[in-house]
Amino acid sequence: YADLVDKLVCEVLTSVAPDKYIDECIADSF
């Protein structure tokens, strides 16, 4: 499910969050 979670999180956060926050959000989801 990494691709799914990555896609969902990136769709929401790409415009406001640096990569480290996106990566943390993905990890926190799991």
PDB file of all heavy atoms in Angstrom:
ATOM      1  N   TYR A   1       0.784  -1.235   0.000  1.00  0.00           N
ATOM      2  CA  TYR A   1       0.000   0.000   0.000  1.00  0.00           C
ATOM      3  C   TYR A   1       0.818   1.290   0.000  1.00  0.00           C
ATOM      4  O   TYR A   1       0.243   2.376   0.092  1.00  0.00           O
ATOM      5  CB  TYR A   1      -0.967  -0.003   1.179  1.00  0.00           C
ATOM      6  CG  TYR A   1      -1.976  -1.119   1.064  1.00  0.00           C
ATOM      7  CD1 TYR A   1      -1.907  -2.234   1.884  1.00  0.00           C
ATOM      8  CD2 TYR A   1      -2.975  -1.069   0.100  1.00  0.00           C
ATOM      9  CE1 TYR A   1      -2.820  -3.270   1.749  1.00  0.00           C
ATOM     10  CE2 TYR A   1      -3.889  -2.100  -0.035  1.00  0.00           C
ATOM     11  CZ  TYR A   1      -3.809  -3.197   0.796  1.00  0.00           C
ATOM     12  OH  TYR A   1      -4.713  -4.221   0.650  1.00  0.00           O
ATOM     13  N   ALA A   2       2.124   1.205  -0.157  1.00  0.00           N
ATOM     14  CA  ALA A   2       2.951   2.420  -0.144  1.00  0.00           C
ATOM     15  C   ALA A   2       2.568   3.371  -1.270  1.00  0.00           C
ATOM     16  O   ALA A   2       2.485   4.588  -1.057  1.00  0.00           O
ATOM     17  CB  ALA A   2       4.430   2.062  -0.229  1.00  0.00           C
ATOM     18  N   ASP A   3       2.332   2.847  -2.456  1.00  0.00           N
ATOM     19  CA  ASP A   3       1.976   3.715  -3.578  1.00  0.00           C
ATOM     20  C   ASP A   3       0.655   4.441  -3.333  1.00  0.00           C
ATOM     21  O   ASP A   3       0.531   5.631  -3.627  1.00  0.00           O
ATOM     22  CB  ASP A   3       1.889   2.915  -4.878  1.00  0.00           C
ATOM     23  CG  ASP A   3       3.249   2.452  -5.391  1.00  0.00           C
ATOM     24  OD1 ASP A   3       4.283   3.016  -4.958  1.00  0.00           O
ATOM     25  OD2 ASP A   3       3.272   1.530  -6.219  1.00  0.00           O
ATOM     26  N   LEU A   4      -0.322   3.732  -2.794  1.00  0.00           N
ATOM     27  CA  LEU A   4      -1.611   4.341  -2.498  1.00  0.00           C
ATOM     28  C   LEU A   4      -1.466   5.468  -1.481  1.00  0.00           C
ATOM     29  O   LEU A   4      -1.949   6.585  -1.693  1.00  0.00           O
ATOM     30  CB  LEU A   4      -2.588   3.289  -1.954  1.00  0.00           C
ATOM     31  CG  LEU A   4      -3.881   3.839  -1.348  1.00  0.00           C
ATOM     32  CD1 LEU A   4      -4.815   4.315  -2.442  1.00  0.00           C
ATOM     33  CD2 LEU A   4      -4.545   2.804  -0.466  1.00  0.00           C
ATOM     34  N   VAL A   5      -0.811   5.178  -0.366  1.00  0.00           N
ATOM     35  CA  VAL A   5      -0.661   6.169   0.697  1.00  0.00           C
ATOM     36  C   VAL A   5       0.153   7.360   0.200  1.00  0.00           C
ATOM     37  O   VAL A   5      -0.199   8.513   0.445  1.00  0.00           O
ATOM     38  CB  VAL A   5      -0.037   5.538   1.963  1.00  0.00           C
ATOM     39  CG1 VAL A   5       0.273   6.587   3.015  1.00  0.00           C
ATOM     40  CG2 VAL A   5      -0.981   4.472   2.529  1.00  0.00           C
ATOM     41  N   ASP A   6       1.213   7.093  -0.544  1.00  0.00           N
ATOM     42  CA  ASP A   6       2.025   8.167  -1.109  1.00  0.00           C
ATOM     43  C   ASP A   6       1.182   9.068  -2.002  1.00  0.00           C
ATOM     44  O   ASP A   6       1.245  10.298  -1.902  1.00  0.00           O
ATOM     45  CB  ASP A   6       3.190   7.567  -1.900  1.00  0.00           C
ATOM     46  CG  ASP A   6       4.106   8.620  -2.447  1.00  0.00           C
ATOM     47  OD1 ASP A   6       4.886   9.213  -1.671  1.00  0.00           O
ATOM     48  OD2 ASP A   6       4.062   8.866  -3.669  1.00  0.00           O
ATOM     49  N   LYS A   7       0.400   8.480  -2.882  1.00  0.00           N
ATOM     50  CA  LYS A   7      -0.437   9.260  -3.794  1.00  0.00           C
ATOM     51  C   LYS A   7      -1.442  10.113  -3.042  1.00  0.00           C
ATOM     52  O   LYS A   7      -1.609  11.307  -3.330  1.00  0.00           O
ATOM     53  CB  LYS A   7      -1.153   8.331  -4.769  1.00  0.00           C
ATOM     54  CG  LYS A   7      -2.022   9.059  -5.766  1.00  0.00           C
ATOM     55  CD  LYS A   7      -2.709   8.109  -6.715  1.00  0.00           C
ATOM     56  CE  LYS A   7      -3.593   8.902  -7.662  1.00  0.00           C
ATOM     57  NZ  LYS A   7      -4.398   8.060  -8.512  1.00  0.00           N
ATOM     58  N   LEU A   8      -2.122   9.529  -2.080  1.00  0.00           N
ATOM     59  CA  LEU A   8      -3.140  10.266  -1.329  1.00  0.00           C
ATOM     60  C   LEU A   8      -2.531  11.435  -0.552  1.00  0.00           C
ATOM     61  O   LEU A   8      -3.049  12.553  -0.581  1.00  0.00           O
ATOM     62  CB  LEU A   8      -3.883   9.329  -0.373  1.00  0.00           C
ATOM     63  CG  LEU A   8      -4.755   8.259  -1.017  1.00  0.00           C
ATOM     64  CD1 LEU A   8      -5.246   7.281   0.041  1.00  0.00           C
ATOM     65  CD2 LEU A   8      -5.925   8.881  -1.754  1.00  0.00           C
ATOM     66  N   VAL A   9      -1.441  11.166   0.137  1.00  0.00           N
ATOM     67  CA  VAL A   9      -0.804  12.204   0.946  1.00  0.00           C
ATOM     68  C   VAL A   9      -0.234  13.311   0.058  1.00  0.00           C
ATOM     69  O   VAL A   9      -0.416  14.491   0.344  1.00  0.00           O
ATOM     70  CB  VAL A   9       0.279  11.582   1.860  1.00  0.00           C
ATOM     71  CG1 VAL A   9       1.123  12.649   2.523  1.00  0.00           C
ATOM     72  CG2 VAL A   9      -0.378  10.687   2.913  1.00  0.00           C
ATOM     73  N   CYS A  10       0.414  12.932  -1.016  1.00  0.00           N
ATOM     74  CA  CYS A  10       1.008  13.936  -1.916  1.00  0.00           C
ATOM     75  C   CYS A  10      -0.053  14.817  -2.569  1.00  0.00           C
ATOM     76  O   CYS A  10       0.164  16.019  -2.749  1.00  0.00           O
ATOM     77  CB  CYS A  10       1.864  13.267  -2.977  1.00  0.00           C
ATOM     78  SG  CYS A  10       3.441  12.660  -2.329  1.00  0.00           S
ATOM     79  N   GLU A  11      -1.188  14.242  -2.918  1.00  0.00           N
ATOM     80  CA  GLU A  11      -2.264  15.045  -3.519  1.00  0.00           C
ATOM     81  C   GLU A  11      -2.715  16.161  -2.590  1.00  0.00           C
ATOM     82  O   GLU A  11      -3.060  17.244  -3.029  1.00  0.00           O
ATOM     83  CB  GLU A  11      -3.450  14.164  -3.892  1.00  0.00           C
ATOM     84  CG  GLU A  11      -3.232  13.360  -5.144  1.00  0.00           C
ATOM     85  CD  GLU A  11      -4.418  12.501  -5.513  1.00  0.00           C
ATOM     86  OE1 GLU A  11      -5.506  12.640  -4.912  1.00  0.00           O
ATOM     87  OE2 GLU A  11      -4.261  11.672  -6.424  1.00  0.00           O
ATOM     88  N   VAL A  12      -2.712  15.901  -1.316  1.00  0.00           N
ATOM     89  CA  VAL A  12      -3.165  16.896  -0.344  1.00  0.00           C
ATOM     90  C   VAL A  12      -2.053  17.863   0.033  1.00  0.00           C
ATOM     91  O   VAL A  12      -2.285  19.071   0.161  1.00  0.00           O
ATOM     92  CB  VAL A  12      -3.724  16.204   0.927  1.00  0.00           C
ATOM     93  CG1 VAL A  12      -4.070  17.212   1.995  1.00  0.00           C
ATOM     94  CG2 VAL A  12      -4.925  15.338   0.583  1.00  0.00           C
ATOM     95  N   LEU A  13      -0.839  17.381   0.203  1.00  0.00           N
ATOM     96  CA  LEU A  13       0.210  18.181   0.843  1.00  0.00           C
ATOM     97  C   LEU A  13       1.248  18.819  -0.073  1.00  0.00           C
ATOM     98  O   LEU A  13       1.987  19.692   0.385  1.00  0.00           O
ATOM     99  CB  LEU A  13       0.944  17.311   1.873  1.00  0.00           C
ATOM    100  CG  LEU A  13       0.124  16.880   3.069  1.00  0.00           C
ATOM    101  CD1 LEU A  13       0.955  15.978   3.966  1.00  0.00           C
ATOM    102  CD2 LEU A  13      -0.382  18.079   3.844  1.00  0.00           C
ATOM    103  N   THR A  14       1.330  18.414  -1.315  1.00  0.00           N
ATOM    104  CA  THR A  14       2.418  18.891  -2.170  1.00  0.00           C
ATOM    105  C   THR A  14       2.507  20.415  -2.223  1.00  0.00           C
ATOM    106  O   THR A  14       3.598  20.970  -2.232  1.00  0.00           O
ATOM    107  CB  THR A  14       2.282  18.300  -3.590  1.00  0.00           C
ATOM    108  OG1 THR A  14       2.387  16.889  -3.488  1.00  0.00           O
ATOM    109  CG2 THR A  14       3.358  18.825  -4.509  1.00  0.00           C
ATOM    110  N   SER A  15       1.387  21.102  -2.203  1.00  0.00           N
ATOM    111  CA  SER A  15       1.410  22.565  -2.340  1.00  0.00           C
ATOM    112  C   SER A  15       1.795  23.297  -1.053  1.00  0.00           C
ATOM    113  O   SER A  15       2.130  24.478  -1.102  1.00  0.00           O
ATOM    114  CB  SER A  15       0.047  23.070  -2.817  1.00  0.00           C
ATOM    115  OG  SER A  15      -0.942  22.814  -1.834  1.00  0.00           O
ATOM    116  N   VAL A  16       1.760  22.611   0.092  1.00  0.00           N
ATOM    117  CA  VAL A  16       2.013  23.318   1.355  1.00  0.00           C
ATOM    118  C   VAL A  16       3.117  22.726   2.223  1.00  0.00           C
ATOM    119  O   VAL A  16       3.569  23.376   3.160  1.00  0.00           O
ATOM    120  CB  VAL A  16       0.733  23.424   2.222  1.00  0.00           C
ATOM    121  CG1 VAL A  16      -0.347  24.219   1.515  1.00  0.00           C
ATOM    122  CG2 VAL A  16       0.224  22.064   2.640  1.00  0.00           C
ATOM    123  N   ALA A  17       3.531  21.511   1.925  1.00  0.00           N
ATOM    124  CA  ALA A  17       4.454  20.835   2.845  1.00  0.00           C
ATOM    125  C   ALA A  17       5.769  20.474   2.176  1.00  0.00           C
ATOM    126  O   ALA A  17       5.779  19.998   1.037  1.00  0.00           O
ATOM    127  CB  ALA A  17       3.809  19.566   3.395  1.00  0.00           C
ATOM    128  N   PRO A  18       6.872  20.658   2.905  1.00  0.00           N
ATOM    129  CA  PRO A  18       8.153  20.157   2.387  1.00  0.00           C
ATOM    130  C   PRO A  18       8.154  18.621   2.413  1.00  0.00           C
ATOM    131  O   PRO A  18       7.359  17.987   3.113  1.00  0.00           O
ATOM    132  CB  PRO A  18       9.188  20.726   3.354  1.00  0.00           C
ATOM    133  CG  PRO A  18       8.449  21.225   4.535  1.00  0.00           C
ATOM    134  CD  PRO A  18       7.007  21.358   4.167  1.00  0.00           C
ATOM    135  N   ASP A  19       9.070  18.045   1.638  1.00  0.00           N
ATOM    136  CA  ASP A  19       9.130  16.591   1.505  1.00  0.00           C
ATOM    137  C   ASP A  19       9.233  15.871   2.838  1.00  0.00           C
ATOM    138  O   ASP A  19       8.643  14.803   3.018  1.00  0.00           O
ATOM    139  CB  ASP A  19      10.311  16.183   0.617  1.00  0.00           C
ATOM    140  CG  ASP A  19      10.069  16.528  -0.844  1.00  0.00           C
ATOM    141  OD1 ASP A  19       8.914  16.809  -1.218  1.00  0.00           O
ATOM    142  OD2 ASP A  19      11.044  16.504  -1.613  1.00  0.00           O
ATOM    143  N   LYS A  20       9.964  16.428   3.797  1.00  0.00           N
ATOM    144  CA  LYS A  20      10.128  15.711   5.074  1.00  0.00           C
ATOM    145  C   LYS A  20       8.793  15.568   5.801  1.00  0.00           C
ATOM    146  O   LYS A  20       8.540  14.555   6.433  1.00  0.00           O
ATOM    147  CB  LYS A  20      11.186  16.369   5.958  1.00  0.00           C
ATOM    148  CG  LYS A  20      10.788  17.646   6.624  1.00  0.00           C
ATOM    149  CD  LYS A  20      11.882  18.127   7.564  1.00  0.00           C
ATOM    150  CE  LYS A  20      11.361  19.246   8.434  1.00  0.00           C
ATOM    151  NZ  LYS A  20      12.291  19.603   9.471  1.00  0.00           N
ATOM    152  N   TYR A  21       7.906  16.553   5.696  1.00  0.00           N
ATOM    153  CA  TYR A  21       6.587  16.448   6.320  1.00  0.00           C
ATOM    154  C   TYR A  21       5.717  15.428   5.596  1.00  0.00           C
ATOM    155  O   TYR A  21       4.947  14.698   6.229  1.00  0.00           O
ATOM    156  CB  TYR A  21       5.881  17.794   6.353  1.00  0.00           C
ATOM    157  CG  TYR A  21       6.448  18.760   7.354  1.00  0.00           C
ATOM    158  CD1 TYR A  21       7.024  19.957   6.950  1.00  0.00           C
ATOM    159  CD2 TYR A  21       6.411  18.496   8.722  1.00  0.00           C
ATOM    160  CE1 TYR A  21       7.541  20.855   7.870  1.00  0.00           C
ATOM    161  CE2 TYR A  21       6.927  19.386   9.644  1.00  0.00           C
ATOM    162  CZ  TYR A  21       7.492  20.553   9.205  1.00  0.00           C
ATOM    163  OH  TYR A  21       8.008  21.442  10.118  1.00  0.00           O
ATOM    164  N   ILE A  22       5.837  15.405   4.281  1.00  0.00           N
ATOM    165  CA  ILE A  22       5.087  14.422   3.500  1.00  0.00           C
ATOM    166  C   ILE A  22       5.545  13.018   3.865  1.00  0.00           C
ATOM    167  O   ILE A  22       4.720  12.133   4.111  1.00  0.00           O
ATOM    168  CB  ILE A  22       5.251  14.705   1.990  1.00  0.00           C
ATOM    169  CG1 ILE A  22       4.537  16.016   1.629  1.00  0.00           C
ATOM    170  CG2 ILE A  22       4.719  13.540   1.158  1.00  0.00           C
ATOM    171  CD1 ILE A  22       4.790  16.507   0.222  1.00  0.00           C
ATOM    172  N   ASP A  23       6.849  12.811   3.927  1.00  0.00           N
ATOM    173  CA  ASP A  23       7.384  11.499   4.299  1.00  0.00           C
ATOM    174  C   ASP A  23       6.941  11.084   5.698  1.00  0.00           C
ATOM    175  O   ASP A  23       6.587   9.926   5.934  1.00  0.00           O
ATOM    176  CB  ASP A  23       8.913  11.493   4.213  1.00  0.00           C
ATOM    177  CG  ASP A  23       9.432  11.624   2.793  1.00  0.00           C
ATOM    178  OD1 ASP A  23       8.648  11.387   1.842  1.00  0.00           O
ATOM    179  OD2 ASP A  23      10.616  11.973   2.632  1.00  0.00           O
ATOM    180  N   GLU A  24       6.949  12.030   6.630  1.00  0.00           N
ATOM    181  CA  GLU A  24       6.505  11.733   7.997  1.00  0.00           C
ATOM    182  C   GLU A  24       5.024  11.384   8.030  1.00  0.00           C
ATOM    183  O   GLU A  24       4.606  10.474   8.758  1.00  0.00           O
ATOM    184  CB  GLU A  24       6.776  12.917   8.919  1.00  0.00           C
ATOM    185  CG  GLU A  24       8.232  13.088   9.271  1.00  0.00           C
ATOM    186  CD  GLU A  24       8.498  14.312  10.143  1.00  0.00           C
ATOM    187  OE1 GLU A  24       7.545  14.883  10.702  1.00  0.00           O
ATOM    188  OE2 GLU A  24       9.676  14.689  10.254  1.00  0.00           O
ATOM    189  N   CYS A  25       4.220  12.082   7.251  1.00  0.00           N
ATOM    190  CA  CYS A  25       2.792  11.803   7.201  1.00  0.00           C
ATOM    191  C   CYS A  25       2.535  10.397   6.660  1.00  0.00           C
ATOM    192  O   CYS A  25       1.681   9.675   7.176  1.00  0.00           O
ATOM    193  CB  CYS A  25       2.084  12.855   6.354  1.00  0.00           C
ATOM    194  SG  CYS A  25       0.288  12.717   6.360  1.00  0.00           S
ATOM    195  N   ILE A  26       3.284  10.023   5.638  1.00  0.00           N
ATOM    196  CA  ILE A  26       3.145   8.677   5.073  1.00  0.00           C
ATOM    197  C   ILE A  26       3.517   7.631   6.126  1.00  0.00           C
ATOM    198  O   ILE A  26       2.765   6.681   6.356  1.00  0.00           O
ATOM    199  CB  ILE A  26       4.010   8.547   3.805  1.00  0.00           C
ATOM    200  CG1 ILE A  26       3.442   9.415   2.684  1.00  0.00           C
ATOM    201  CG2 ILE A  26       4.129   7.083   3.375  1.00  0.00           C
ATOM    202  CD1 ILE A  26       4.378   9.616   1.507  1.00  0.00           C
ATOM    203  N   ALA A  27       4.647   7.817   6.763  1.00  0.00           N
ATOM    204  CA  ALA A  27       5.084   6.866   7.797  1.00  0.00           C
ATOM    205  C   ALA A  27       4.091   6.824   8.958  1.00  0.00           C
ATOM    206  O   ALA A  27       3.741   5.734   9.444  1.00  0.00           O
ATOM    207  CB  ALA A  27       6.471   7.242   8.300  1.00  0.00           C
ATOM    208  N   ASP A  28       3.618   7.985   9.378  1.00  0.00           N
ATOM    209  CA  ASP A  28       2.658   8.050  10.488  1.00  0.00           C
ATOM    210  C   ASP A  28       1.353   7.333  10.142  1.00  0.00           C
ATOM    211  O   ASP A  28       0.698   6.781  11.030  1.00  0.00           O
ATOM    212  CB  ASP A  28       2.364   9.497  10.868  1.00  0.00           C
ATOM    213  CG  ASP A  28       3.519  10.179  11.569  1.00  0.00           C
ATOM    214  OD1 ASP A  28       4.466   9.475  11.995  1.00  0.00           O
ATOM    215  OD2 ASP A  28       3.478  11.425  11.690  1.00  0.00           O
ATOM    216  N   SER A  29       0.975   7.336   8.881  1.00  0.00           N
ATOM    217  CA  SER A  29      -0.248   6.647   8.462  1.00  0.00           C
ATOM    218  C   SER A  29      -0.120   5.143   8.685  1.00  0.00           C
ATOM    219  O   SER A  29      -1.057   4.502   9.183  1.00  0.00           O
ATOM    220  CB  SER A  29      -0.551   6.937   6.992  1.00  0.00           C
ATOM    221  OG  SER A  29      -0.780   8.309   6.785  1.00  0.00           O
ATOM    222  N   PHE A  30       1.035   4.590   8.343  1.00  0.00           N
ATOM    223  CA  PHE A  30       1.248   3.154   8.569  1.00  0.00           C
ATOM    224  C   PHE A  30       1.330   2.827  10.059  1.00  0.00           C
ATOM    225  O   PHE A  30       0.798   1.817  10.512  1.00  0.00           O
ATOM    226  CB  PHE A  30       2.496   2.673   7.830  1.00  0.00           C
ATOM    227  CG  PHE A  30       2.292   2.550   6.350  1.00  0.00           C
ATOM    228  CD1 PHE A  30       2.803   3.501   5.482  1.00  0.00           C
ATOM    229  CD2 PHE A  30       1.579   1.489   5.824  1.00  0.00           C
ATOM    230  CE1 PHE A  30       2.614   3.394   4.116  1.00  0.00           C
ATOM    231  CE2 PHE A  30       1.375   1.372   4.455  1.00  0.00           C
ATOM    232  CZ  PHE A  30       1.893   2.333   3.596  1.00  0.00           C
TER     233      PHE A  30
END
